């Protein structure tokens, strides 16, 4: 397993340590989980932005749900 060294100001370190202590986790567990969550969020946002851009560029127009239900002859 690799080791990463972070330099943080003492004030921030005490905040990180308190958070880790309150969650019964080590600093390593907290930093790893937070970093992975951030990377996943950024990836999800990028994919969503690309999908939205593709949708807009396609010229496709969405259909209101009321029209969909009317086609099925269903009551809402």
N, C-alpha and C. Protein backbone atom coordinates (compact mmCIF):
# COMPACT_ATOMS: atom_id res chain seq x y z
N UNK A 1 0.84 -1.17 0.00
CA UNK A 1 0.00 0.00 0.00
C UNK A 1 0.89 1.24 0.00
N UNK A 2 0.49 2.24 -0.76
CA UNK A 2 1.27 3.46 -0.86
C UNK A 2 0.98 4.40 0.30
N UNK A 3 1.90 5.31 0.53
CA UNK A 3 1.75 6.31 1.58
C UNK A 3 1.78 7.68 0.95
N UNK A 4 0.86 8.55 1.36
CA UNK A 4 0.81 9.92 0.89
C UNK A 4 0.96 10.83 2.10
N UNK A 5 1.77 11.85 1.97
CA UNK A 5 1.98 12.79 3.06
C UNK A 5 1.27 14.10 2.71
N UNK A 6 0.48 14.60 3.64
CA UNK A 6 -0.21 15.87 3.45
C UNK A 6 0.30 16.87 4.48
N UNK A 7 0.49 18.09 4.04
CA UNK A 7 0.84 19.16 4.97
C UNK A 7 -0.40 20.00 5.15
N UNK A 8 -0.87 20.08 6.39
CA UNK A 8 -2.07 20.87 6.70
C UNK A 8 -1.78 21.77 7.89
N UNK A 9 -2.38 22.94 7.90
CA UNK A 9 -2.22 23.82 9.08
C UNK A 9 -2.80 23.14 10.32
N UNK A 10 -2.24 23.48 11.48
CA UNK A 10 -2.68 22.86 12.73
C UNK A 10 -4.17 23.02 12.98
N UNK A 11 -4.72 24.19 12.64
CA UNK A 11 -6.14 24.44 12.87
C UNK A 11 -7.00 23.44 12.08
N UNK A 12 -6.66 23.24 10.81
CA UNK A 12 -7.40 22.29 9.99
C UNK A 12 -7.19 20.86 10.47
N UNK A 13 -5.98 20.54 10.91
CA UNK A 13 -5.70 19.20 11.41
C UNK A 13 -6.60 18.88 12.60
N UNK A 14 -6.78 19.84 13.49
CA UNK A 14 -7.63 19.57 14.66
C UNK A 14 -9.08 19.34 14.22
N UNK A 15 -9.53 20.02 13.19
CA UNK A 15 -10.88 19.81 12.66
C UNK A 15 -10.99 18.40 12.07
N UNK A 16 -9.98 18.02 11.27
CA UNK A 16 -9.98 16.67 10.66
C UNK A 16 -9.96 15.59 11.74
N UNK A 17 -9.10 15.78 12.74
CA UNK A 17 -9.00 14.78 13.81
C UNK A 17 -10.32 14.66 14.59
N UNK A 18 -10.96 15.78 14.85
CA UNK A 18 -12.24 15.75 15.57
C UNK A 18 -13.30 15.02 14.73
N UNK A 19 -13.31 15.29 13.45
CA UNK A 19 -14.27 14.62 12.57
C UNK A 19 -14.03 13.12 12.56
N UNK A 20 -12.77 12.73 12.42
CA UNK A 20 -12.42 11.30 12.41
C UNK A 20 -12.81 10.65 13.74
N UNK A 21 -12.50 11.32 14.82
CA UNK A 21 -12.82 10.78 16.15
C UNK A 21 -14.34 10.63 16.32
N UNK A 22 -15.10 11.65 15.90
CA UNK A 22 -16.56 11.61 16.02
C UNK A 22 -17.17 10.49 15.19
N UNK A 23 -16.47 10.08 14.13
CA UNK A 23 -16.98 9.03 13.24
C UNK A 23 -16.28 7.68 13.45
N UNK A 24 -15.49 7.60 14.51
CA UNK A 24 -14.77 6.37 14.85
C UNK A 24 -13.97 5.82 13.67
N UNK A 25 -13.26 6.71 12.99
CA UNK A 25 -12.44 6.31 11.84
C UNK A 25 -11.07 6.96 11.97
N UNK A 26 -10.14 6.41 11.24
CA UNK A 26 -8.80 7.00 11.21
C UNK A 26 -8.79 8.14 10.19
N UNK A 27 -7.78 9.00 10.30
CA UNK A 27 -7.64 10.06 9.30
C UNK A 27 -7.50 9.48 7.90
N UNK A 28 -6.76 8.39 7.79
CA UNK A 28 -6.59 7.75 6.48
C UNK A 28 -7.92 7.32 5.89
N UNK A 29 -8.75 6.70 6.72
CA UNK A 29 -10.07 6.25 6.24
C UNK A 29 -10.93 7.44 5.81
N UNK A 30 -10.88 8.51 6.59
CA UNK A 30 -11.68 9.70 6.29
C UNK A 30 -11.20 10.33 4.98
N UNK A 31 -9.90 10.54 4.84
CA UNK A 31 -9.38 11.18 3.63
C UNK A 31 -9.63 10.32 2.39
N UNK A 32 -9.44 9.02 2.51
CA UNK A 32 -9.66 8.14 1.36
C UNK A 32 -11.12 8.15 0.94
N UNK A 33 -12.03 8.03 1.91
CA UNK A 33 -13.46 8.03 1.59
C UNK A 33 -13.88 9.35 0.97
N UNK A 34 -13.41 10.46 1.53
CA UNK A 34 -13.78 11.78 1.00
C UNK A 34 -13.24 11.99 -0.41
N UNK A 35 -12.01 11.57 -0.64
CA UNK A 35 -11.41 11.74 -1.97
C UNK A 35 -12.14 10.90 -3.00
N UNK A 36 -12.44 9.66 -2.66
CA UNK A 36 -13.16 8.79 -3.60
C UNK A 36 -14.56 9.34 -3.88
N UNK A 37 -15.23 9.85 -2.85
CA UNK A 37 -16.56 10.43 -3.04
C UNK A 37 -16.49 11.64 -3.96
N UNK A 38 -15.48 12.48 -3.75
CA UNK A 38 -15.32 13.68 -4.59
C UNK A 38 -15.06 13.30 -6.04
N UNK A 39 -14.19 12.33 -6.26
CA UNK A 39 -13.90 11.88 -7.63
C UNK A 39 -15.14 11.32 -8.30
N UNK A 40 -15.92 10.54 -7.56
CA UNK A 40 -17.15 9.96 -8.11
C UNK A 40 -18.16 11.06 -8.45
N UNK A 41 -18.29 12.05 -7.56
CA UNK A 41 -19.21 13.16 -7.82
C UNK A 41 -18.81 13.93 -9.08
N UNK A 42 -17.52 14.21 -9.22
CA UNK A 42 -17.04 14.93 -10.39
C UNK A 42 -17.25 14.13 -11.67
N UNK A 43 -17.01 12.82 -11.60
CA UNK A 43 -17.23 11.96 -12.76
C UNK A 43 -18.71 11.94 -13.14
N UNK A 44 -19.58 11.77 -12.15
CA UNK A 44 -21.02 11.76 -12.40
C UNK A 44 -21.48 13.08 -13.02
N UNK A 45 -20.95 14.19 -12.52
CA UNK A 45 -21.32 15.50 -13.06
C UNK A 45 -20.87 15.64 -14.51
N UNK A 46 -19.67 15.18 -14.81
CA UNK A 46 -19.16 15.26 -16.18
C UNK A 46 -20.02 14.43 -17.13
N UNK A 47 -20.39 13.23 -16.71
CA UNK A 47 -21.23 12.36 -17.55
C UNK A 47 -22.61 13.01 -17.75
N UNK A 48 -23.18 13.58 -16.69
CA UNK A 48 -24.48 14.24 -16.80
C UNK A 48 -24.40 15.45 -17.73
N UNK A 49 -23.34 16.23 -17.62
CA UNK A 49 -23.17 17.39 -18.51
C UNK A 49 -23.06 16.97 -19.96
N UNK A 50 -22.29 15.90 -20.22
CA UNK A 50 -22.15 15.40 -21.59
C UNK A 50 -23.48 14.88 -22.12
N UNK A 51 -24.24 14.17 -21.30
CA UNK A 51 -25.54 13.65 -21.72
C UNK A 51 -26.50 14.79 -22.03
N UNK A 52 -26.49 15.82 -21.20
CA UNK A 52 -27.37 16.97 -21.42
C UNK A 52 -26.97 17.69 -22.71
N UNK A 53 -25.68 17.88 -22.92
CA UNK A 53 -25.21 18.52 -24.16
C UNK A 53 -25.64 17.71 -25.37
N UNK A 54 -25.49 16.40 -25.32
CA UNK A 54 -25.94 15.54 -26.42
C UNK A 54 -27.43 15.68 -26.65
N UNK A 55 -28.21 15.74 -25.58
CA UNK A 55 -29.66 15.89 -25.69
C UNK A 55 -30.01 17.21 -26.37
N UNK A 56 -29.39 18.31 -25.93
CA UNK A 56 -29.67 19.63 -26.50
C UNK A 56 -29.26 19.66 -27.98
N UNK A 57 -28.09 19.12 -28.30
CA UNK A 57 -27.60 19.15 -29.67
C UNK A 57 -28.40 18.25 -30.60
N UNK A 58 -29.08 17.25 -30.05
CA UNK A 58 -29.85 16.33 -30.88
C UNK A 58 -31.12 16.98 -31.43
N UNK A 59 -31.56 18.05 -30.78
CA UNK A 59 -32.78 18.71 -31.21
C UNK A 59 -34.04 17.99 -30.77
N UNK A 60 -33.89 16.92 -30.05
CA UNK A 60 -35.03 16.15 -29.56
C UNK A 60 -35.84 16.98 -28.59
N UNK A 61 -37.13 16.93 -28.71
CA UNK A 61 -38.02 17.63 -27.79
C UNK A 61 -38.74 16.61 -26.94
N UNK A 62 -38.76 16.83 -25.66
CA UNK A 62 -39.43 15.90 -24.76
C UNK A 62 -40.94 16.06 -24.85
N UNK A 63 -41.64 15.03 -24.46
CA UNK A 63 -43.09 15.02 -24.48
C UNK A 63 -43.60 15.16 -23.05
N UNK A 64 -44.58 16.04 -22.84
CA UNK A 64 -45.13 16.18 -21.48
C UNK A 64 -45.73 14.85 -21.00
N UNK A 65 -45.63 14.59 -19.71
CA UNK A 65 -46.17 13.36 -19.15
C UNK A 65 -47.67 13.24 -19.39
N UNK A 66 -48.38 14.38 -19.41
CA UNK A 66 -49.82 14.32 -19.65
C UNK A 66 -50.12 13.72 -21.03
N UNK A 67 -49.28 14.03 -22.02
CA UNK A 67 -49.46 13.44 -23.36
C UNK A 67 -49.19 11.93 -23.33
N UNK A 68 -48.18 11.55 -22.58
CA UNK A 68 -47.85 10.12 -22.46
C UNK A 68 -49.03 9.36 -21.87
N UNK A 69 -49.58 9.88 -20.76
CA UNK A 69 -50.70 9.20 -20.11
C UNK A 69 -51.93 9.19 -21.03
N UNK A 70 -52.14 10.27 -21.79
CA UNK A 70 -53.27 10.33 -22.71
C UNK A 70 -53.15 9.26 -23.80
N UNK A 71 -51.93 9.04 -24.29
CA UNK A 71 -51.69 8.00 -25.29
C UNK A 71 -52.04 6.61 -24.73
N UNK A 72 -51.81 6.43 -23.46
CA UNK A 72 -52.13 5.13 -22.83
C UNK A 72 -53.58 5.06 -22.38
N UNK A 73 -54.29 6.15 -22.59
CA UNK A 73 -55.68 6.25 -22.15
C UNK A 73 -55.80 5.93 -20.65
N UNK A 74 -54.89 6.53 -19.91
CA UNK A 74 -54.83 6.29 -18.47
C UNK A 74 -55.16 7.58 -17.73
N UNK A 75 -55.74 7.45 -16.57
CA UNK A 75 -56.03 8.61 -15.75
C UNK A 75 -54.86 8.84 -14.80
N UNK A 76 -54.60 10.11 -14.54
CA UNK A 76 -53.52 10.46 -13.62
C UNK A 76 -54.10 10.91 -12.31
